[in-house]
């Protein structure tokens, strides 16, 4: 679905920006790829059963507070 949505666009279309302060489609795609790649080590650790939760996630109210803060800031 992702490839089908963008495969037919030219390089010019992918890099077009309506304004200087707006990301192009290509920049958005690159951002998504970079963010997703940060999860690969965690996925590997879970798969190989070597994952351990970070200290702050073991204290029940901290993830809730941090999650609320991130949600409000986005």
PDB file of N, CA and C in Angstrom:
ATOM      1  N   UNK A   1       0.827  -1.186   0.000  1.00  0.00           N
ATOM      2  CA  UNK A   1       0.000   0.000   0.000  1.00  0.00           C
ATOM      3  C   UNK A   1       0.878   1.260   0.000  1.00  0.00           C
ATOM      4  N   UNK A   2       1.912   1.278   0.830  1.00  0.00           N
ATOM      5  CA  UNK A   2       2.824   2.423   0.903  1.00  0.00           C
ATOM      6  C   UNK A   2       3.504   2.648  -0.443  1.00  0.00           C
ATOM      7  N   UNK A   3       4.067   1.578  -1.000  1.00  0.00           N
ATOM      8  CA  UNK A   3       4.759   1.684  -2.289  1.00  0.00           C
ATOM      9  C   UNK A   3       3.769   2.094  -3.371  1.00  0.00           C
ATOM     10  N   UNK A   4       2.599   1.515  -3.374  1.00  0.00           N
ATOM     11  CA  UNK A   4       1.592   1.844  -4.386  1.00  0.00           C
ATOM     12  C   UNK A   4       1.206   3.318  -4.324  1.00  0.00           C
ATOM     13  N   UNK A   5       1.217   3.898  -3.137  1.00  0.00           N
ATOM     14  CA  UNK A   5       0.819   5.294  -2.975  1.00  0.00           C
ATOM     15  C   UNK A   5       1.863   6.265  -3.522  1.00  0.00           C
ATOM     16  N   UNK A   6       3.148   5.879  -3.455  1.00  0.00           N
ATOM     17  CA  UNK A   6       4.204   6.824  -3.819  1.00  0.00           C
ATOM     18  C   UNK A   6       5.089   6.383  -4.983  1.00  0.00           C
ATOM     19  N   UNK A   7       4.952   5.165  -5.430  1.00  0.00           N
ATOM     20  CA  UNK A   7       5.815   4.616  -6.468  1.00  0.00           C
ATOM     21  C   UNK A   7       5.708   5.360  -7.795  1.00  0.00           C
ATOM     22  N   UNK A   8       4.560   5.870  -8.107  1.00  0.00           N
ATOM     23  CA  UNK A   8       4.329   6.515  -9.394  1.00  0.00           C
ATOM     24  C   UNK A   8       4.763   7.984  -9.416  1.00  0.00           C
ATOM     25  N   UNK A   9       5.127   8.538  -8.258  1.00  0.00           N
ATOM     26  CA  UNK A   9       5.530   9.940  -8.206  1.00  0.00           C
ATOM     27  C   UNK A   9       6.953  10.113  -8.725  1.00  0.00           C
ATOM     28  N   UNK A  10       7.180  11.199  -9.420  1.00  0.00           N
ATOM     29  CA  UNK A  10       8.520  11.502  -9.908  1.00  0.00           C
ATOM     30  C   UNK A  10       9.370  12.042  -8.756  1.00  0.00           C
ATOM     31  N   UNK A  11      10.671  12.131  -8.995  1.00  0.00           N
ATOM     32  CA  UNK A  11      11.576  12.682  -7.981  1.00  0.00           C
ATOM     33  C   UNK A  11      11.189  14.129  -7.667  1.00  0.00           C
ATOM     34  N   UNK A  12      10.818  14.849  -8.688  1.00  0.00           N
ATOM     35  CA  UNK A  12      10.397  16.244  -8.496  1.00  0.00           C
ATOM     36  C   UNK A  12       9.154  16.322  -7.611  1.00  0.00           C
ATOM     37  N   UNK A  13       8.194  15.445  -7.843  1.00  0.00           N
ATOM     38  CA  UNK A  13       6.974  15.436  -7.035  1.00  0.00           C
ATOM     39  C   UNK A  13       7.280  15.041  -5.589  1.00  0.00           C
ATOM     40  N   UNK A  14       8.153  14.061  -5.410  1.00  0.00           N
ATOM     41  CA  UNK A  14       8.494  13.618  -4.058  1.00  0.00           C
ATOM     42  C   UNK A  14       9.201  14.713  -3.262  1.00  0.00           C
ATOM     43  N   UNK A  15       9.988  15.538  -3.949  1.00  0.00           N
ATOM     44  CA  UNK A  15      10.765  16.573  -3.268  1.00  0.00           C
ATOM     45  C   UNK A  15      10.107  17.948  -3.268  1.00  0.00           C
ATOM     46  N   UNK A  16       8.926  18.065  -3.856  1.00  0.00           N
ATOM     47  CA  UNK A  16       8.233  19.352  -3.916  1.00  0.00           C
ATOM     48  C   UNK A  16       7.783  19.794  -2.531  1.00  0.00           C
ATOM     49  N   UNK A  17       7.984  21.078  -2.247  1.00  0.00           N
ATOM     50  CA  UNK A  17       7.552  21.670  -0.981  1.00  0.00           C
ATOM     51  C   UNK A  17       6.755  22.933  -1.284  1.00  0.00           C
ATOM     52  N   UNK A  18       5.535  23.034  -0.773  1.00  0.00           N
ATOM     53  CA  UNK A  18       4.731  24.229  -1.027  1.00  0.00           C
ATOM     54  C   UNK A  18       5.314  25.489  -0.369  1.00  0.00           C
ATOM     55  N   UNK A  19       6.026  25.285   0.749  1.00  0.00           N
ATOM     56  CA  UNK A  19       6.656  26.378   1.490  1.00  0.00           C
ATOM     57  C   UNK A  19       7.969  25.872   2.066  1.00  0.00           C
ATOM     58  N   UNK A  20       8.862  26.790   2.409  1.00  0.00           N
ATOM     59  CA  UNK A  20      10.153  26.398   2.984  1.00  0.00           C
ATOM     60  C   UNK A  20      10.016  25.712   4.342  1.00  0.00           C
ATOM     61  N   UNK A  21       8.980  26.035   5.087  1.00  0.00           N
ATOM     62  CA  UNK A  21       8.817  25.472   6.431  1.00  0.00           C
ATOM     63  C   UNK A  21       7.928  24.224   6.452  1.00  0.00           C
ATOM     64  N   UNK A  22       7.686  23.628   5.289  1.00  0.00           N
ATOM     65  CA  UNK A  22       6.874  22.412   5.168  1.00  0.00           C
ATOM     66  C   UNK A  22       7.737  21.306   4.579  1.00  0.00           C
ATOM     67  N   UNK A  23       7.628  20.113   5.125  1.00  0.00           N
ATOM     68  CA  UNK A  23       8.404  18.988   4.618  1.00  0.00           C
ATOM     69  C   UNK A  23       7.819  18.468   3.316  1.00  0.00           C
ATOM     70  N   UNK A  24       8.703  17.978   2.462  1.00  0.00           N
ATOM     71  CA  UNK A  24       8.264  17.310   1.235  1.00  0.00           C
ATOM     72  C   UNK A  24       7.837  15.880   1.569  1.00  0.00           C
ATOM     73  N   UNK A  25       7.231  15.212   0.605  1.00  0.00           N
ATOM     74  CA  UNK A  25       6.860  13.802   0.790  1.00  0.00           C
ATOM     75  C   UNK A  25       8.115  12.980   1.075  1.00  0.00           C
ATOM     76  N   UNK A  26       9.187  13.231   0.334  1.00  0.00           N
ATOM     77  CA  UNK A  26      10.431  12.484   0.526  1.00  0.00           C
ATOM     78  C   UNK A  26      10.990  12.693   1.937  1.00  0.00           C
ATOM     79  N   UNK A  27      10.924  13.914   2.441  1.00  0.00           N
ATOM     80  CA  UNK A  27      11.410  14.178   3.793  1.00  0.00           C
ATOM     81  C   UNK A  27      10.561  13.454   4.830  1.00  0.00           C
ATOM     82  N   UNK A  28       9.260  13.412   4.620  1.00  0.00           N
ATOM     83  CA  UNK A  28       8.383  12.680   5.526  1.00  0.00           C
ATOM     84  C   UNK A  28       8.697  11.189   5.516  1.00  0.00           C
ATOM     85  N   UNK A  29       8.901  10.633   4.322  1.00  0.00           N
ATOM     86  CA  UNK A  29       9.234   9.210   4.200  1.00  0.00           C
ATOM     87  C   UNK A  29      10.552   8.923   4.899  1.00  0.00           C
ATOM     88  N   UNK A  30      11.561   9.783   4.673  1.00  0.00           N
ATOM     89  CA  UNK A  30      12.856   9.594   5.334  1.00  0.00           C
ATOM     90  C   UNK A  30      12.708   9.643   6.848  1.00  0.00           C
ATOM     91  N   UNK A  31      11.914  10.565   7.346  1.00  0.00           N
ATOM     92  CA  UNK A  31      11.680  10.686   8.791  1.00  0.00           C
ATOM     93  C   UNK A  31      11.035   9.409   9.344  1.00  0.00           C
ATOM     94  N   UNK A  32      10.049   8.893   8.653  1.00  0.00           N
ATOM     95  CA  UNK A  32       9.381   7.657   9.090  1.00  0.00           C
ATOM     96  C   UNK A  32      10.373   6.499   9.132  1.00  0.00           C
ATOM     97  N   UNK A  33      11.204   6.377   8.107  1.00  0.00           N
ATOM     98  CA  UNK A  33      12.193   5.292   8.059  1.00  0.00           C
ATOM     99  C   UNK A  33      13.176   5.411   9.216  1.00  0.00           C
ATOM    100  N   UNK A  34      13.672   6.611   9.471  1.00  0.00           N
ATOM    101  CA  UNK A  34      14.632   6.816  10.572  1.00  0.00           C
ATOM    102  C   UNK A  34      14.004   6.454  11.912  1.00  0.00           C
ATOM    103  N   UNK A  35      12.776   6.875  12.138  1.00  0.00           N
ATOM    104  CA  UNK A  35      12.098   6.574  13.406  1.00  0.00           C
ATOM    105  C   UNK A  35      11.870   5.076  13.551  1.00  0.00           C
ATOM    106  N   UNK A  36      11.397   4.422  12.504  1.00  0.00           N
ATOM    107  CA  UNK A  36      11.137   2.982  12.567  1.00  0.00           C
ATOM    108  C   UNK A  36      12.420   2.207  12.846  1.00  0.00           C
ATOM    109  N   UNK A  37      13.538   2.621  12.237  1.00  0.00           N
ATOM    110  CA  UNK A  37      14.809   1.912  12.440  1.00  0.00           C
ATOM    111  C   UNK A  37      15.276   1.937  13.892  1.00  0.00           C
ATOM    112  N   UNK A  38      14.861   2.946  14.653  1.00  0.00           N
ATOM    113  CA  UNK A  38      15.268   3.003  16.058  1.00  0.00           C
ATOM    114  C   UNK A  38      14.641   1.877  16.879  1.00  0.00           C
ATOM    115  N   UNK A  39      13.569   1.288  16.370  1.00  0.00           N
ATOM    116  CA  UNK A  39      12.903   0.195  17.073  1.00  0.00           C
ATOM    117  C   UNK A  39      13.531  -1.173  16.782  1.00  0.00           C
ATOM    118  N   UNK A  40      14.338  -1.284  15.728  1.00  0.00           N
ATOM    119  CA  UNK A  40      14.905  -2.583  15.348  1.00  0.00           C
ATOM    120  C   UNK A  40      15.680  -3.259  16.475  1.00  0.00           C
ATOM    121  N   UNK A  41      16.566  -2.563  17.203  1.00  0.00           N
ATOM    122  CA  UNK A  41      17.277  -3.234  18.305  1.00  0.00           C
ATOM    123  C   UNK A  41      16.328  -3.753  19.396  1.00  0.00           C
ATOM    124  N   UNK A  42      15.255  -3.018  19.646  1.00  0.00           N
ATOM    125  CA  UNK A  42      14.281  -3.471  20.642  1.00  0.00           C
ATOM    126  C   UNK A  42      13.557  -4.710  20.143  1.00  0.00           C
ATOM    127  N   UNK A  43      13.143  -4.702  18.878  1.00  0.00           N
ATOM    128  CA  UNK A  43      12.486  -5.876  18.303  1.00  0.00           C
ATOM    129  C   UNK A  43      13.400  -7.097  18.355  1.00  0.00           C
ATOM    130  N   UNK A  44      14.681  -6.905  18.034  1.00  0.00           N
ATOM    131  CA  UNK A  44      15.651  -8.010  18.108  1.00  0.00           C
ATOM    132  C   UNK A  44      15.770  -8.542  19.525  1.00  0.00           C
ATOM    133  N   UNK A  45      15.872  -7.642  20.487  1.00  0.00           N
ATOM    134  CA  UNK A  45      16.005  -8.066  21.884  1.00  0.00           C
ATOM    135  C   UNK A  45      14.765  -8.823  22.349  1.00  0.00           C
ATOM    136  N   UNK A  46      13.596  -8.381  21.944  1.00  0.00           N
ATOM    137  CA  UNK A  46      12.364  -9.090  22.295  1.00  0.00           C
ATOM    138  C   UNK A  46      12.349 -10.466  21.634  1.00  0.00           C
ATOM    139  N   UNK A  47      12.713 -10.504  20.371  1.00  0.00           N
ATOM    140  CA  UNK A  47      12.727 -11.770  19.631  1.00  0.00           C
ATOM    141  C   UNK A  47      13.689 -12.767  20.271  1.00  0.00           C
ATOM    142  N   UNK A  48      14.876 -12.301  20.662  1.00  0.00           N
ATOM    143  CA  UNK A  48      15.888 -13.192  21.251  1.00  0.00           C
ATOM    144  C   UNK A  48      15.758 -13.313  22.764  1.00  0.00           C
ATOM    145  N   UNK A  49      14.672 -12.772  23.301  1.00  0.00           N
ATOM    146  CA  UNK A  49      14.363 -12.864  24.727  1.00  0.00           C
ATOM    147  C   UNK A  49      15.477 -12.277  25.598  1.00  0.00           C
ATOM    148  N   UNK A  50      16.063 -11.185  25.149  1.00  0.00           N
ATOM    149  CA  UNK A  50      17.107 -10.505  25.924  1.00  0.00           C
ATOM    150  C   UNK A  50      16.678  -9.094  26.323  1.00  0.00           C
ATOM    151  N   UNK A  51      15.434  -8.742  26.058  1.00  0.00           N
ATOM    152  CA  UNK A  51      14.941  -7.398  26.356  1.00  0.00           C
ATOM    153  C   UNK A  51      14.649  -7.245  27.835  1.00  0.00           C
ATOM    154  N   UNK A  52      15.091  -6.141  28.383  1.00  0.00           N
ATOM    155  CA  UNK A  52      14.688  -5.802  29.749  1.00  0.00           C
ATOM    156  C   UNK A  52      14.205  -4.356  29.731  1.00  0.00           C
ATOM    157  N   UNK A  53      13.130  -4.118  30.433  1.00  0.00           N
ATOM    158  CA  UNK A  53      12.529  -2.794  30.458  1.00  0.00           C
ATOM    159  C   UNK A  53      13.490  -1.796  31.097  1.00  0.00           C
ATOM    160  N   UNK A  54      13.483  -0.556  30.601  1.00  0.00           N
ATOM    161  CA  UNK A  54      14.282   0.480  31.247  1.00  0.00           C
ATOM    162  C   UNK A  54      13.769   0.731  32.669  1.00  0.00           C
ATOM    163  N   UNK A  55      14.630   1.223  33.514  1.00  0.00           N
ATOM    164  CA  UNK A  55      14.281   1.422  34.920  1.00  0.00           C
ATOM    165  C   UNK A  55      13.021   2.262  35.091  1.00  0.00           C
ATOM    166  N   UNK A  56      12.935   3.376  34.355  1.00  0.00           N
ATOM    167  CA  UNK A  56      11.803   4.281  34.536  1.00  0.00           C
ATOM    168  C   UNK A  56      10.468   3.647  34.143  1.00  0.00           C
ATOM    169  N   UNK A  57      10.485   2.626  33.324  1.00  0.00           N
ATOM    170  CA  UNK A  57       9.222   1.997  32.930  1.00  0.00           C
ATOM    171  C   UNK A  57       8.727   0.999  33.975  1.00  0.00           C
ATOM    172  N   UNK A  58       9.573   0.678  34.936  1.00  0.00           N
ATOM    173  CA  UNK A  58       9.176  -0.261  36.005  1.00  0.00           C
ATOM    174  C   UNK A  58       8.410   0.430  37.117  1.00  0.00           C
ATOM    175  N   UNK A  59       8.430   1.752  37.122  1.00  0.00           N
ATOM    176  CA  UNK A  59       7.685   2.536  38.112  1.00  0.00           C
ATOM    177  C   UNK A  59       6.403   2.984  37.424  1.00  0.00           C
ATOM    178  N   UNK A  60       5.275   2.473  37.863  1.00  0.00           N
ATOM    179  CA  UNK A  60       4.030   2.544  37.101  1.00  0.00           C
ATOM    180  C   UNK A  60       3.591   3.948  36.710  1.00  0.00           C
ATOM    181  N   UNK A  61       3.790   4.950  37.534  1.00  0.00           N
ATOM    182  CA  UNK A  61       3.263   6.265  37.199  1.00  0.00           C
ATOM    183  C   UNK A  61       4.157   7.040  36.226  1.00  0.00           C
ATOM    184  N   UNK A  62       5.416   6.702  36.109  1.00  0.00           N
ATOM    185  CA  UNK A  62       6.327   7.456  35.237  1.00  0.00           C
ATOM    186  C   UNK A  62       5.952   7.313  33.757  1.00  0.00           C
ATOM    187  N   UNK A  63       5.738   6.099  33.238  1.00  0.00           N
ATOM    188  CA  UNK A  63       5.330   6.015  31.825  1.00  0.00           C
ATOM    189  C   UNK A  63       4.030   6.760  31.542  1.00  0.00           C
ATOM    190  N   UNK A  64       3.116   6.744  32.500  1.00  0.00           N
ATOM    191  CA  UNK A  64       1.845   7.438  32.330  1.00  0.00           C
ATOM    192  C   UNK A  64       2.062   8.947  32.237  1.00  0.00           C
ATOM    193  N   UNK A  65       2.890   9.490  33.116  1.00  0.00           N
ATOM    194  CA  UNK A  65       3.171  10.930  33.101  1.00  0.00           C
ATOM    195  C   UNK A  65       3.915  11.301  31.821  1.00  0.00           C
ATOM    196  N   UNK A  66       4.945  10.530  31.464  1.00  0.00           N
ATOM    197  CA  UNK A  66       5.701  10.830  30.257  1.00  0.00           C
ATOM    198  C   UNK A  66       4.833  10.710  29.008  1.00  0.00           C
ATOM    199  N   UNK A  67       3.983   9.708  28.961  1.00  0.00           N
ATOM    200  CA  UNK A  67       3.082   9.532  27.828  1.00  0.00           C
ATOM    201  C   UNK A  67       2.128  10.695  27.675  1.00  0.00           C
ATOM    202  N   UNK A  68       1.571  11.158  28.784  1.00  0.00           N
ATOM    203  CA  UNK A  68       0.668  12.309  28.744  1.00  0.00           C
ATOM    204  C   UNK A  68       1.389  13.565  28.275  1.00  0.00           C
ATOM    205  N   UNK A  69       2.628  13.748  28.746  1.00  0.00           N
ATOM    206  CA  UNK A  69       3.420  14.910  28.358  1.00  0.00           C
ATOM    207  C   UNK A  69       3.712  14.889  26.858  1.00  0.00           C
ATOM    208  N   UNK A  70       4.108  13.732  26.353  1.00  0.00           N
ATOM    209  CA  UNK A  70       4.420  13.617  24.921  1.00  0.00           C
ATOM    210  C   UNK A  70       3.164  13.837  24.079  1.00  0.00           C
ATOM    211  N   UNK A  71       2.049  13.260  24.508  1.00  0.00           N
ATOM    212  CA  UNK A  71       0.803  13.413  23.769  1.00  0.00           C
ATOM    213  C   UNK A  71       0.378  14.877  23.686  1.00  0.00           C
ATOM    214  N   UNK A  72       0.528  15.608  24.781  1.00  0.00           N
ATOM    215  CA  UNK A  72       0.154  17.031  24.794  1.00  0.00           C
ATOM    216  C   UNK A  72       1.084  17.876  23.941  1.00  0.00           C
ATOM    217  N   UNK A  73       2.341  17.458  23.828  1.00  0.00           N
ATOM    218  CA  UNK A  73       3.319  18.262  23.097  1.00  0.00           C
ATOM    219  C   UNK A  73       3.288  18.017  21.583  1.00  0.00           C
ATOM    220  N   UNK A  74       2.609  16.963  21.161  1.00  0.00           N
ATOM    221  CA  UNK A  74       2.594  16.653  19.730  1.00  0.00           C
ATOM    222  C   UNK A  74       1.467  17.364  19.033  1.00  0.00           C
TER     223      UNK A  74
END
